[in-house]
Amino acid sequence: MVLKLYKLDASPPARAVMMTIEAANIPNVEFVDVNLLEKEHLKEEYLKESLSHAIAVYLLTKYSKNTTLYPSDPKQRAIIDQRLHFDTGILFPSLRGAIEPVIFRSDKAIKPEAFEKIKSGYDFSEKFLTKQWVAGDEFTLADIFFMASISSLNEILPIDAAKYPKLTAWLNRCKELDYYKKMNEPGNQQLGALVRSKLA
């Protein structure tokens, strides 16, 4: 059976699912491109299927033997789930709030309050990093979703290494991962270039 993932490379949630597939070695996945600028993602058939966190958890639970990405231990899983909710509720919305007016409404500047929300996301992320990874000692699904969102935010508001040393070191570790390079970096560069072209 071939699985289909509808995606846009510039989309952080899509990139996170792509990295999950790669990190977990899930076979037989067909990637289908969706044109965000033509609003294909708003068609009913896509709206029914566009829950990236749920998709990633489903794929890991059903198809992966890699239990470290989303372990069954209730305490570990609760921490990972909390981080995933943080991505859903704080990180990705701060990115979306910053760039949607630029991409879709032709604003020529990112609003100051949007930058403040991004900084708040950085503040909390720095506090989460009491250990090497965002949910503890092991690399997990939480890191994958944080990678996609924070690397994108870094394109909009570069992370201050002096203010956020843990976050900076974490992102540098992430950039060394093969699936970051393969599944995240190209789309992240596309997103950054798109936003910069709209601001020019």
N, C-alpha and C. Protein backbone atom coordinates (compact mmCIF):
# COMPACT_ATOMS: atom_id res chain seq x y z
N MET A 1 0.85 -1.20 0.00
CA MET A 1 0.00 0.00 0.00
C MET A 1 0.88 1.25 0.00
N VAL A 2 0.58 2.17 -0.91
CA VAL A 2 1.32 3.42 -1.00
C VAL A 2 0.56 4.51 -0.25
N LEU A 3 1.24 5.17 0.68
CA LEU A 3 0.65 6.30 1.40
C LEU A 3 0.88 7.57 0.61
N LYS A 4 -0.04 8.52 0.69
CA LYS A 4 0.11 9.80 0.01
C LYS A 4 0.19 10.92 1.04
N LEU A 5 1.20 11.77 0.91
CA LEU A 5 1.31 12.95 1.74
C LEU A 5 1.17 14.18 0.83
N TYR A 6 0.11 14.95 1.06
CA TYR A 6 -0.08 16.18 0.31
C TYR A 6 0.70 17.27 1.02
N LYS A 7 1.58 17.94 0.29
CA LYS A 7 2.51 18.84 0.97
C LYS A 7 2.93 19.99 0.07
N LEU A 8 3.41 21.03 0.74
CA LEU A 8 4.10 22.14 0.10
C LEU A 8 5.42 22.27 0.83
N ASP A 9 6.52 22.23 0.11
CA ASP A 9 7.83 22.20 0.77
C ASP A 9 8.07 23.41 1.66
N ALA A 10 7.49 24.56 1.31
CA ALA A 10 7.69 25.76 2.13
C ALA A 10 6.90 25.71 3.44
N SER A 11 5.97 24.79 3.56
CA SER A 11 5.12 24.71 4.76
C SER A 11 5.83 23.98 5.89
N PRO A 12 6.04 24.62 7.04
CA PRO A 12 6.69 23.94 8.17
C PRO A 12 5.96 22.68 8.64
N PRO A 13 4.63 22.68 8.78
CA PRO A 13 3.97 21.43 9.20
C PRO A 13 4.19 20.29 8.21
N ALA A 14 4.17 20.60 6.92
CA ALA A 14 4.42 19.55 5.92
C ALA A 14 5.84 19.04 6.04
N ARG A 15 6.79 19.95 6.23
CA ARG A 15 8.19 19.54 6.38
C ARG A 15 8.38 18.66 7.60
N ALA A 16 7.65 18.97 8.66
CA ALA A 16 7.77 18.16 9.87
C ALA A 16 7.31 16.73 9.62
N VAL A 17 6.22 16.57 8.90
CA VAL A 17 5.75 15.22 8.57
C VAL A 17 6.74 14.53 7.64
N MET A 18 7.28 15.26 6.69
CA MET A 18 8.29 14.69 5.79
C MET A 18 9.51 14.21 6.57
N MET A 19 9.96 15.02 7.53
CA MET A 19 11.10 14.61 8.36
C MET A 19 10.76 13.40 9.22
N THR A 20 9.52 13.35 9.72
CA THR A 20 9.08 12.20 10.51
C THR A 20 9.17 10.93 9.68
N ILE A 21 8.68 10.99 8.46
CA ILE A 21 8.72 9.83 7.56
C ILE A 21 10.16 9.39 7.33
N GLU A 22 11.04 10.36 7.11
CA GLU A 22 12.44 10.05 6.84
C GLU A 22 13.13 9.51 8.09
N ALA A 23 12.90 10.16 9.24
CA ALA A 23 13.55 9.74 10.48
C ALA A 23 13.11 8.35 10.91
N ALA A 24 11.87 8.01 10.63
CA ALA A 24 11.31 6.72 11.06
C ALA A 24 11.44 5.64 9.99
N ASN A 25 12.03 6.00 8.85
CA ASN A 25 12.21 5.04 7.75
C ASN A 25 10.89 4.39 7.33
N ILE A 26 9.87 5.20 7.18
CA ILE A 26 8.56 4.69 6.75
C ILE A 26 8.57 4.56 5.23
N PRO A 27 8.36 3.36 4.70
CA PRO A 27 8.46 3.16 3.25
C PRO A 27 7.16 3.46 2.51
N ASN A 28 7.28 3.47 1.20
CA ASN A 28 6.11 3.55 0.30
C ASN A 28 5.23 4.77 0.55
N VAL A 29 5.87 5.95 0.60
CA VAL A 29 5.12 7.19 0.74
C VAL A 29 5.29 8.01 -0.53
N GLU A 30 4.17 8.40 -1.11
CA GLU A 30 4.18 9.26 -2.30
C GLU A 30 3.92 10.70 -1.86
N PHE A 31 4.80 11.60 -2.27
CA PHE A 31 4.65 13.02 -1.94
C PHE A 31 3.92 13.72 -3.08
N VAL A 32 2.81 14.39 -2.75
CA VAL A 32 1.99 15.08 -3.74
C VAL A 32 2.03 16.58 -3.43
N ASP A 33 2.52 17.37 -4.37
CA ASP A 33 2.66 18.81 -4.14
C ASP A 33 1.31 19.51 -4.22
N VAL A 34 1.11 20.48 -3.32
CA VAL A 34 -0.09 21.31 -3.28
C VAL A 34 0.34 22.76 -3.48
N ASN A 35 -0.39 23.51 -4.27
CA ASN A 35 -0.05 24.90 -4.55
C ASN A 35 -0.75 25.81 -3.54
N LEU A 36 0.00 26.25 -2.54
CA LEU A 36 -0.55 27.10 -1.48
C LEU A 36 -1.01 28.45 -2.03
N LEU A 37 -0.23 29.01 -2.94
CA LEU A 37 -0.56 30.34 -3.46
C LEU A 37 -1.84 30.33 -4.29
N GLU A 38 -2.17 29.18 -4.84
CA GLU A 38 -3.44 29.03 -5.56
C GLU A 38 -4.56 28.56 -4.63
N LYS A 39 -4.24 28.45 -3.35
CA LYS A 39 -5.19 28.08 -2.29
C LYS A 39 -5.78 26.68 -2.47
N GLU A 40 -4.98 25.79 -3.06
CA GLU A 40 -5.43 24.40 -3.19
C GLU A 40 -5.63 23.76 -1.82
N HIS A 41 -4.85 24.25 -0.82
CA HIS A 41 -4.94 23.67 0.52
C HIS A 41 -6.28 23.95 1.19
N LEU A 42 -7.07 24.87 0.62
CA LEU A 42 -8.37 25.20 1.20
C LEU A 42 -9.50 24.36 0.60
N LYS A 43 -9.17 23.54 -0.38
CA LYS A 43 -10.19 22.65 -0.94
C LYS A 43 -10.60 21.62 0.10
N GLU A 44 -11.84 21.21 0.02
CA GLU A 44 -12.40 20.33 1.05
C GLU A 44 -11.59 19.06 1.25
N GLU A 45 -11.11 18.45 0.16
CA GLU A 45 -10.40 17.18 0.30
C GLU A 45 -9.09 17.34 1.06
N TYR A 46 -8.48 18.55 1.01
CA TYR A 46 -7.24 18.78 1.73
C TYR A 46 -7.51 19.19 3.18
N LEU A 47 -8.58 19.95 3.40
CA LEU A 47 -8.90 20.37 4.76
C LEU A 47 -9.18 19.17 5.66
N LYS A 48 -9.72 18.11 5.07
CA LYS A 48 -10.01 16.91 5.84
C LYS A 48 -8.74 16.20 6.30
N GLU A 49 -7.62 16.49 5.66
CA GLU A 49 -6.42 15.70 5.88
C GLU A 49 -5.23 16.53 6.37
N SER A 50 -5.46 17.79 6.77
CA SER A 50 -4.32 18.67 7.04
C SER A 50 -4.07 18.88 8.54
N LEU A 51 -3.90 17.80 9.25
CA LEU A 51 -3.59 17.86 10.68
C LEU A 51 -2.22 17.23 10.88
N SER A 52 -1.18 18.04 10.75
CA SER A 52 0.17 17.49 10.65
C SER A 52 0.61 16.72 11.90
N HIS A 53 0.29 17.24 13.09
CA HIS A 53 0.70 16.53 14.31
C HIS A 53 0.01 15.17 14.39
N ALA A 54 -1.27 15.16 14.09
CA ALA A 54 -2.02 13.90 14.13
C ALA A 54 -1.50 12.92 13.08
N ILE A 55 -1.16 13.43 11.91
CA ILE A 55 -0.62 12.57 10.85
C ILE A 55 0.69 11.94 11.30
N ALA A 56 1.58 12.75 11.87
CA ALA A 56 2.88 12.24 12.31
C ALA A 56 2.74 11.18 13.39
N VAL A 57 1.88 11.43 14.37
CA VAL A 57 1.66 10.45 15.44
C VAL A 57 1.07 9.16 14.87
N TYR A 58 0.13 9.30 13.97
CA TYR A 58 -0.48 8.12 13.33
C TYR A 58 0.58 7.30 12.58
N LEU A 59 1.41 7.97 11.81
CA LEU A 59 2.44 7.26 11.04
C LEU A 59 3.41 6.52 11.95
N LEU A 60 3.82 7.18 13.02
CA LEU A 60 4.75 6.53 13.95
C LEU A 60 4.10 5.35 14.65
N THR A 61 2.86 5.52 15.05
CA THR A 61 2.16 4.46 15.78
C THR A 61 1.88 3.25 14.90
N LYS A 62 1.52 3.50 13.66
CA LYS A 62 1.10 2.41 12.78
C LYS A 62 2.25 1.78 12.00
N TYR A 63 3.23 2.59 11.56
CA TYR A 63 4.19 2.09 10.59
C TYR A 63 5.64 2.04 11.07
N SER A 64 5.95 2.65 12.19
CA SER A 64 7.36 2.75 12.59
C SER A 64 7.71 1.82 13.74
N LYS A 65 8.92 1.29 13.67
CA LYS A 65 9.46 0.51 14.78
C LYS A 65 10.34 1.37 15.69
N ASN A 66 10.50 2.63 15.33
CA ASN A 66 11.31 3.56 16.11
C ASN A 66 10.47 4.10 17.26
N THR A 67 10.66 3.54 18.44
CA THR A 67 9.84 3.94 19.59
C THR A 67 10.40 5.15 20.33
N THR A 68 11.63 5.57 20.01
CA THR A 68 12.20 6.72 20.72
C THR A 68 11.58 8.04 20.25
N LEU A 69 11.10 8.09 19.02
CA LEU A 69 10.51 9.33 18.53
C LEU A 69 9.21 9.67 19.25
N TYR A 70 8.43 8.65 19.58
CA TYR A 70 7.17 8.86 20.30
C TYR A 70 6.97 7.68 21.24
N PRO A 71 7.69 7.68 22.37
CA PRO A 71 7.70 6.51 23.26
C PRO A 71 6.35 6.25 23.92
N SER A 72 6.18 5.01 24.35
CA SER A 72 4.90 4.62 24.96
C SER A 72 4.81 4.99 26.43
N ASP A 73 5.95 5.29 27.06
CA ASP A 73 5.93 5.67 28.48
C ASP A 73 5.06 6.91 28.68
N PRO A 74 4.05 6.84 29.56
CA PRO A 74 3.10 7.96 29.70
C PRO A 74 3.75 9.29 30.07
N LYS A 75 4.75 9.26 30.94
CA LYS A 75 5.39 10.51 31.36
C LYS A 75 6.16 11.14 30.20
N GLN A 76 6.93 10.33 29.49
CA GLN A 76 7.68 10.84 28.34
C GLN A 76 6.73 11.37 27.27
N ARG A 77 5.69 10.61 27.01
CA ARG A 77 4.74 11.01 25.97
C ARG A 77 4.02 12.30 26.35
N ALA A 78 3.71 12.48 27.63
CA ALA A 78 3.03 13.70 28.07
C ALA A 78 3.89 14.94 27.81
N ILE A 79 5.20 14.81 28.05
CA ILE A 79 6.11 15.93 27.79
C ILE A 79 6.16 16.23 26.29
N ILE A 80 6.28 15.18 25.49
CA ILE A 80 6.30 15.37 24.04
C ILE A 80 5.01 16.01 23.56
N ASP A 81 3.88 15.52 24.06
CA ASP A 81 2.58 16.08 23.66
C ASP A 81 2.47 17.55 24.04
N GLN A 82 2.98 17.90 25.22
CA GLN A 82 2.95 19.30 25.65
C GLN A 82 3.74 20.17 24.67
N ARG A 83 4.90 19.69 24.27
CA ARG A 83 5.72 20.44 23.31
C ARG A 83 5.01 20.55 21.95
N LEU A 84 4.36 19.48 21.54
CA LEU A 84 3.62 19.53 20.27
C LEU A 84 2.48 20.54 20.35
N HIS A 85 1.80 20.60 21.49
CA HIS A 85 0.74 21.60 21.67
C HIS A 85 1.32 23.01 21.66
N PHE A 86 2.52 23.15 22.21
CA PHE A 86 3.19 24.46 22.19
C PHE A 86 3.48 24.88 20.75
N ASP A 87 3.92 23.93 19.95
CA ASP A 87 4.15 24.24 18.54
C ASP A 87 2.85 24.65 17.86
N THR A 88 1.78 23.90 18.12
CA THR A 88 0.48 24.20 17.52
C THR A 88 -0.08 25.54 17.98
N GLY A 89 0.10 25.83 19.27
CA GLY A 89 -0.54 27.00 19.85
C GLY A 89 0.29 28.27 19.85
N ILE A 90 1.62 28.14 19.80
CA ILE A 90 2.49 29.31 19.94
C ILE A 90 3.44 29.48 18.74
N LEU A 91 4.27 28.47 18.49
CA LEU A 91 5.33 28.65 17.49
C LEU A 91 4.77 28.86 16.08
N PHE A 92 3.99 27.89 15.60
CA PHE A 92 3.50 28.03 14.23
C PHE A 92 2.55 29.22 14.06
N PRO A 93 1.63 29.48 15.02
CA PRO A 93 0.79 30.68 14.86
C PRO A 93 1.60 31.98 14.82
N SER A 94 2.71 32.04 15.55
CA SER A 94 3.52 33.27 15.50
C SER A 94 4.15 33.45 14.12
N LEU A 95 4.54 32.34 13.49
CA LEU A 95 5.06 32.42 12.12
C LEU A 95 3.95 32.83 11.16
N ARG A 96 2.84 32.16 11.28
CA ARG A 96 1.71 32.43 10.39
C ARG A 96 1.26 33.88 10.51
N GLY A 97 1.18 34.37 11.75
CA GLY A 97 0.76 35.75 11.96
C GLY A 97 1.72 36.76 11.37
N ALA A 98 3.00 36.40 11.32
CA ALA A 98 4.00 37.31 10.77
C ALA A 98 3.98 37.35 9.25
N ILE A 99 3.82 36.18 8.63
CA ILE A 99 4.03 36.13 7.18
C ILE A 99 2.76 36.12 6.33
N GLU A 100 1.63 35.72 6.88
CA GLU A 100 0.41 35.69 6.06
C GLU A 100 0.05 37.06 5.49
N PRO A 101 0.12 38.15 6.29
CA PRO A 101 -0.20 39.46 5.70
C PRO A 101 0.76 39.85 4.58
N VAL A 102 1.99 39.38 4.67
CA VAL A 102 3.00 39.70 3.66
C VAL A 102 2.75 38.90 2.38
N ILE A 103 2.49 37.61 2.53
CA ILE A 103 2.34 36.73 1.37
C ILE A 103 0.99 36.91 0.69
N PHE A 104 -0.07 37.02 1.48
CA PHE A 104 -1.42 37.00 0.90
C PHE A 104 -2.10 38.37 0.84
N ARG A 105 -1.62 39.35 1.63
CA ARG A 105 -2.27 40.66 1.62
C ARG A 105 -1.33 41.78 1.17
N SER A 106 -0.17 41.41 0.70
CA SER A 106 0.80 42.35 0.11
C SER A 106 1.29 43.41 1.09
N ASP A 107 1.26 43.12 2.40
CA ASP A 107 1.90 44.03 3.35
C ASP A 107 3.39 44.11 3.04
N LYS A 108 3.97 45.27 3.21
CA LYS A 108 5.38 45.46 2.89
C LYS A 108 6.28 45.47 4.12
N ALA A 109 5.70 45.17 5.26
CA ALA A 109 6.49 45.08 6.49
C ALA A 109 5.80 44.12 7.45
N ILE A 110 6.61 43.43 8.23
CA ILE A 110 6.08 42.56 9.28
C ILE A 110 5.78 43.43 10.49
N LYS A 111 4.63 43.26 11.07
CA LYS A 111 4.20 44.12 12.17
C LYS A 111 5.06 43.89 13.42
N PRO A 112 5.33 44.96 14.19
CA PRO A 112 6.15 44.82 15.40
C PRO A 112 5.59 43.80 16.39
N GLU A 113 4.26 43.75 16.52
CA GLU A 113 3.67 42.79 17.46
C GLU A 113 3.91 41.35 17.03
N ALA A 114 4.07 41.14 15.73
CA ALA A 114 4.38 39.79 15.24
C ALA A 114 5.78 39.38 15.68
N PHE A 115 6.72 40.32 15.63
CA PHE A 115 8.07 40.03 16.10
C PHE A 115 8.08 39.72 17.60
N GLU A 116 7.24 40.42 18.36
CA GLU A 116 7.18 40.17 19.80
C GLU A 116 6.67 38.77 20.10
N LYS A 117 5.72 38.30 19.32
CA LYS A 117 5.21 36.93 19.51
C LYS A 117 6.28 35.90 19.17
N ILE A 118 7.06 36.17 18.15
CA ILE A 118 8.17 35.26 17.81
C ILE A 118 9.18 35.22 18.95
N LYS A 119 9.52 36.38 19.49
CA LYS A 119 10.47 36.44 20.61
C LYS A 119 9.94 35.66 21.81
N SER A 120 8.64 35.75 22.07
CA SER A 120 8.05 35.00 23.17
C SER A 120 8.21 33.51 22.94
N GLY A 121 8.02 33.06 21.71
CA GLY A 121 8.24 31.65 21.38
C GLY A 121 9.67 31.23 21.61
N TYR A 122 10.61 32.10 21.25
CA TYR A 122 12.02 31.82 21.50
C TYR A 122 12.29 31.73 23.01
N ASP A 123 11.69 32.64 23.77
CA ASP A 123 11.90 32.65 25.23
C ASP A 123 11.50 31.31 25.85
N PHE A 124 10.32 30.84 25.53
CA PHE A 124 9.85 29.58 26.09
C PHE A 124 10.67 28.40 25.59
N SER A 125 11.03 28.42 24.33
CA SER A 125 11.83 27.32 23.77
C SER A 125 13.18 27.23 24.46
N GLU A 126 13.77 28.36 24.75
CA GLU A 126 15.05 28.37 25.48
C GLU A 126 14.88 27.72 26.85
N LYS A 127 13.76 28.00 27.51
CA LYS A 127 13.51 27.43 28.84
C LYS A 127 13.26 25.92 28.76
N PHE A 128 12.66 25.46 27.68
CA PHE A 128 12.43 24.02 27.52
C PHE A 128 13.74 23.24 27.43
N LEU A 129 14.78 23.88 26.93
CA LEU A 129 16.03 23.17 26.64
C LEU A 129 16.92 23.05 27.87
N THR A 130 16.40 22.39 28.88
CA THR A 130 17.21 22.10 30.07
C THR A 130 18.13 20.91 29.82
N LYS A 131 17.80 20.15 28.78
CA LYS A 131 18.64 19.02 28.37
C LYS A 131 18.97 19.20 26.88
N GLN A 132 19.51 18.18 26.26
CA GLN A 132 19.98 18.34 24.89
C GLN A 132 18.86 18.57 23.88
N TRP A 133 17.70 17.97 24.15
CA TRP A 133 16.58 18.06 23.20
C TRP A 133 15.37 18.67 23.89
N VAL A 134 14.37 19.09 23.13
CA VAL A 134 13.29 19.90 23.70
C VAL A 134 12.39 19.13 24.67
N ALA A 135 12.40 17.80 24.60
CA ALA A 135 11.57 17.02 25.53
C ALA A 135 12.42 16.12 26.43
N GLY A 136 13.72 16.38 26.50
CA GLY A 136 14.57 15.58 27.40
C GLY A 136 15.88 15.18 26.76
N ASP A 137 16.38 14.02 27.18
CA ASP A 137 17.69 13.55 26.71
C ASP A 137 17.65 12.95 25.31
N GLU A 138 16.47 12.50 24.88
CA GLU A 138 16.35 11.82 23.59
C GLU A 138 15.71 12.72 22.54
N PHE A 139 16.16 12.57 21.31
CA PHE A 139 15.55 13.25 20.18
C PHE A 139 14.17 12.63 19.92
N THR A 140 13.13 13.45 19.82
CA THR A 140 11.76 12.94 19.67
C THR A 140 11.00 13.70 18.59
N LEU A 141 9.76 13.31 18.44
CA LEU A 141 8.86 13.98 17.50
C LEU A 141 8.74 15.47 17.82
N ALA A 142 8.84 15.83 19.08
CA ALA A 142 8.78 17.24 19.46
C ALA A 142 9.89 18.04 18.79
N ASP A 143 11.09 17.47 18.75
CA ASP A 143 12.20 18.16 18.10
C ASP A 143 11.94 18.35 16.61
N ILE A 144 11.33 17.36 15.99
CA ILE A 144 11.05 17.45 14.55
C ILE A 144 10.13 18.63 14.26
N PHE A 145 9.05 18.76 15.03
CA PHE A 145 8.13 19.87 14.78
C PHE A 145 8.73 21.21 15.18
N PHE A 146 9.50 21.23 16.26
CA PHE A 146 10.20 22.47 16.63
C PHE A 146 11.19 22.86 15.54
N MET A 147 11.90 21.87 14.96
CA MET A 147 12.85 22.14 13.89
C MET A 147 12.19 22.88 12.74
N ALA A 148 11.05 22.36 12.31
CA ALA A 148 10.36 22.95 11.17
C ALA A 148 9.91 24.38 11.47
N SER A 149 9.32 24.58 12.64
CA SER A 149 8.80 25.91 12.98
C SER A 149 9.92 26.90 13.30
N ILE A 150 10.87 26.49 14.12
CA ILE A 150 11.90 27.43 14.57
C ILE A 150 12.86 27.78 13.44
N SER A 151 13.19 26.82 12.59
CA SER A 151 14.05 27.16 11.45
C SER A 151 13.36 28.18 10.55
N SER A 152 12.04 28.08 10.43
CA SER A 152 11.28 29.04 9.63
C SER A 152 11.23 30.40 10.32
N LEU A 153 10.99 30.40 11.62
CA LEU A 153 10.99 31.66 12.36
C LEU A 153 12.35 32.34 12.28
N ASN A 154 13.41 31.54 12.27
CA ASN A 154 14.77 32.07 12.17
C ASN A 154 15.00 32.79 10.84
N GLU A 155 14.25 32.40 9.81
CA GLU A 155 14.31 33.10 8.53
C GLU A 155 13.67 34.49 8.64
N ILE A 156 12.70 34.62 9.53
CA ILE A 156 11.96 35.87 9.68
C ILE A 156 12.62 36.78 10.71
N LEU A 157 13.03 36.20 11.83
CA LEU A 157 13.70 36.93 12.90
C LEU A 157 14.86 36.07 13.39
N PRO A 158 16.08 36.34 12.90
CA PRO A 158 17.23 35.50 13.29
C PRO A 158 17.38 35.40 14.80
N ILE A 159 17.66 34.20 15.26
CA ILE A 159 17.82 33.94 16.69
C ILE A 159 19.08 34.62 17.20
N ASP A 160 18.95 35.37 18.26
CA ASP A 160 20.08 36.04 18.92
C ASP A 160 20.84 35.00 19.74
N ALA A 161 22.03 34.63 19.29
CA ALA A 161 22.79 33.56 19.95
C ALA A 161 23.18 33.94 21.37
N ALA A 162 23.40 35.23 21.62
CA ALA A 162 23.78 35.66 22.97
C ALA A 162 22.60 35.55 23.93
N LYS A 163 21.41 35.85 23.45
CA LYS A 163 20.21 35.79 24.29
C LYS A 163 19.67 34.37 24.40
N TYR A 164 19.84 33.58 23.34
CA TYR A 164 19.28 32.23 23.30
C TYR A 164 20.37 31.20 22.97
N PRO A 165 21.34 31.03 23.86
CA PRO A 165 22.46 30.11 23.55
C PRO A 165 22.03 28.65 23.42
N LYS A 166 21.09 28.22 24.25
CA LYS A 166 20.64 26.82 24.18
C LYS A 166 19.86 26.56 22.90
N LEU A 167 19.00 27.50 22.56
CA LEU A 167 18.21 27.36 21.34
C LEU A 167 19.11 27.37 20.10
N THR A 168 20.11 28.23 20.13
CA THR A 168 21.07 28.30 19.01
C THR A 168 21.83 26.99 18.87
N ALA A 169 22.32 26.46 20.00
CA ALA A 169 23.07 25.20 19.96
C ALA A 169 22.18 24.05 19.51
N TRP A 170 20.95 24.04 19.97
CA TRP A 170 20.00 23.00 19.57
C TRP A 170 19.75 23.04 18.07
N LEU A 171 19.50 24.23 17.53
CA LEU A 171 19.23 24.34 16.10
C LEU A 171 20.45 23.93 15.28
N ASN A 172 21.63 24.27 15.76
CA ASN A 172 22.85 23.84 15.06
C ASN A 172 22.99 22.32 15.06
N ARG A 173 22.61 21.66 16.15
CA ARG A 173 22.62 20.19 16.17
C ARG A 173 21.62 19.63 15.16
N CYS A 174 20.46 20.26 15.13
CA CYS A 174 19.42 19.80 14.19
C CYS A 174 19.89 19.91 12.75
N LYS A 175 20.60 20.98 12.44
CA LYS A 175 21.04 21.21 11.06
C LYS A 175 22.02 20.15 10.58
N GLU A 176 22.61 19.40 11.49
CA GLU A 176 23.54 18.33 11.11
C GLU A 176 22.82 17.04 10.74
N LEU A 177 21.55 16.93 11.05
CA LEU A 177 20.80 15.71 10.78
C LEU A 177 20.50 15.58 9.29
N ASP A 178 20.65 14.37 8.78
CA ASP A 178 20.45 14.15 7.34
C ASP A 178 19.05 14.54 6.89
N TYR A 179 18.04 14.18 7.71
CA TYR A 179 16.67 14.47 7.28
C TYR A 179 16.33 15.95 7.40
N TYR A 180 17.04 16.69 8.25
CA TYR A 180 16.90 18.15 8.25
C TYR A 180 17.39 18.69 6.91
N LYS A 181 18.57 18.23 6.51
CA LYS A 181 19.16 18.72 5.25
C LYS A 181 18.30 18.34 4.05
N LYS A 182 17.75 17.14 4.07
CA LYS A 182 17.01 16.63 2.91
C LYS A 182 15.57 17.13 2.87
N MET A 183 14.88 17.10 4.01
CA MET A 183 13.44 17.35 4.03
C MET A 183 13.05 18.73 4.55
N ASN A 184 13.96 19.42 5.24
CA ASN A 184 13.59 20.70 5.82
C ASN A 184 14.28 21.89 5.15
N GLU A 185 15.56 21.77 4.93
CA GLU A 185 16.33 22.93 4.48
C GLU A 185 15.87 23.50 3.14
N PRO A 186 15.61 22.68 2.11
CA PRO A 186 15.18 23.27 0.84
C PRO A 186 13.88 24.07 0.95
N GLY A 187 12.89 23.51 1.62
CA GLY A 187 11.63 24.22 1.79
C GLY A 187 11.75 25.44 2.67
N ASN A 188 12.61 25.36 3.68
CA ASN A 188 12.84 26.49 4.56
C ASN A 188 13.45 27.66 3.78
N GLN A 189 14.38 27.34 2.90
CA GLN A 189 14.98 28.38 2.07
C GLN A 189 13.95 28.97 1.11
N GLN A 190 13.08 28.12 0.59
CA GLN A 190 12.00 28.62 -0.29
C GLN A 190 11.11 29.62 0.44
N LEU A 191 10.75 29.27 1.68
CA LEU A 191 9.87 30.14 2.45
C LEU A 191 10.55 31.48 2.73
N GLY A 192 11.81 31.42 3.17
CA GLY A 192 12.54 32.65 3.45
C GLY A 192 12.66 33.53 2.21
N ALA A 193 12.96 32.92 1.07
CA ALA A 193 13.10 33.68 -0.17
C ALA A 193 11.77 34.29 -0.59
N LEU A 194 10.68 33.55 -0.41
CA LEU A 194 9.35 34.06 -0.76
C LEU A 194 9.01 35.28 0.07
N VAL A 195 9.22 35.20 1.37
CA VAL A 195 8.90 36.33 2.25
C VAL A 195 9.76 37.54 1.91
N ARG A 196 11.05 37.31 1.71
CA ARG A 196 11.94 38.43 1.38
C ARG A 196 11.55 39.08 0.05
N SER A 197 11.12 38.27 -0.91
CA SER A 197 10.71 38.84 -2.21
C SER A 197 9.45 39.69 -2.07
N LYS A 198 8.57 39.30 -1.17
CA LYS A 198 7.33 40.07 -0.95
C LYS A 198 7.60 41.37 -0.19
N LEU A 199 8.65 41.35 0.63
CA LEU A 199 8.99 42.54 1.42
C LEU A 199 9.80 43.54 0.61
N ALA A 200 10.38 43.09 -0.49
CA ALA A 200 11.28 43.95 -1.28
C ALA A 200 10.51 45.09 -1.95
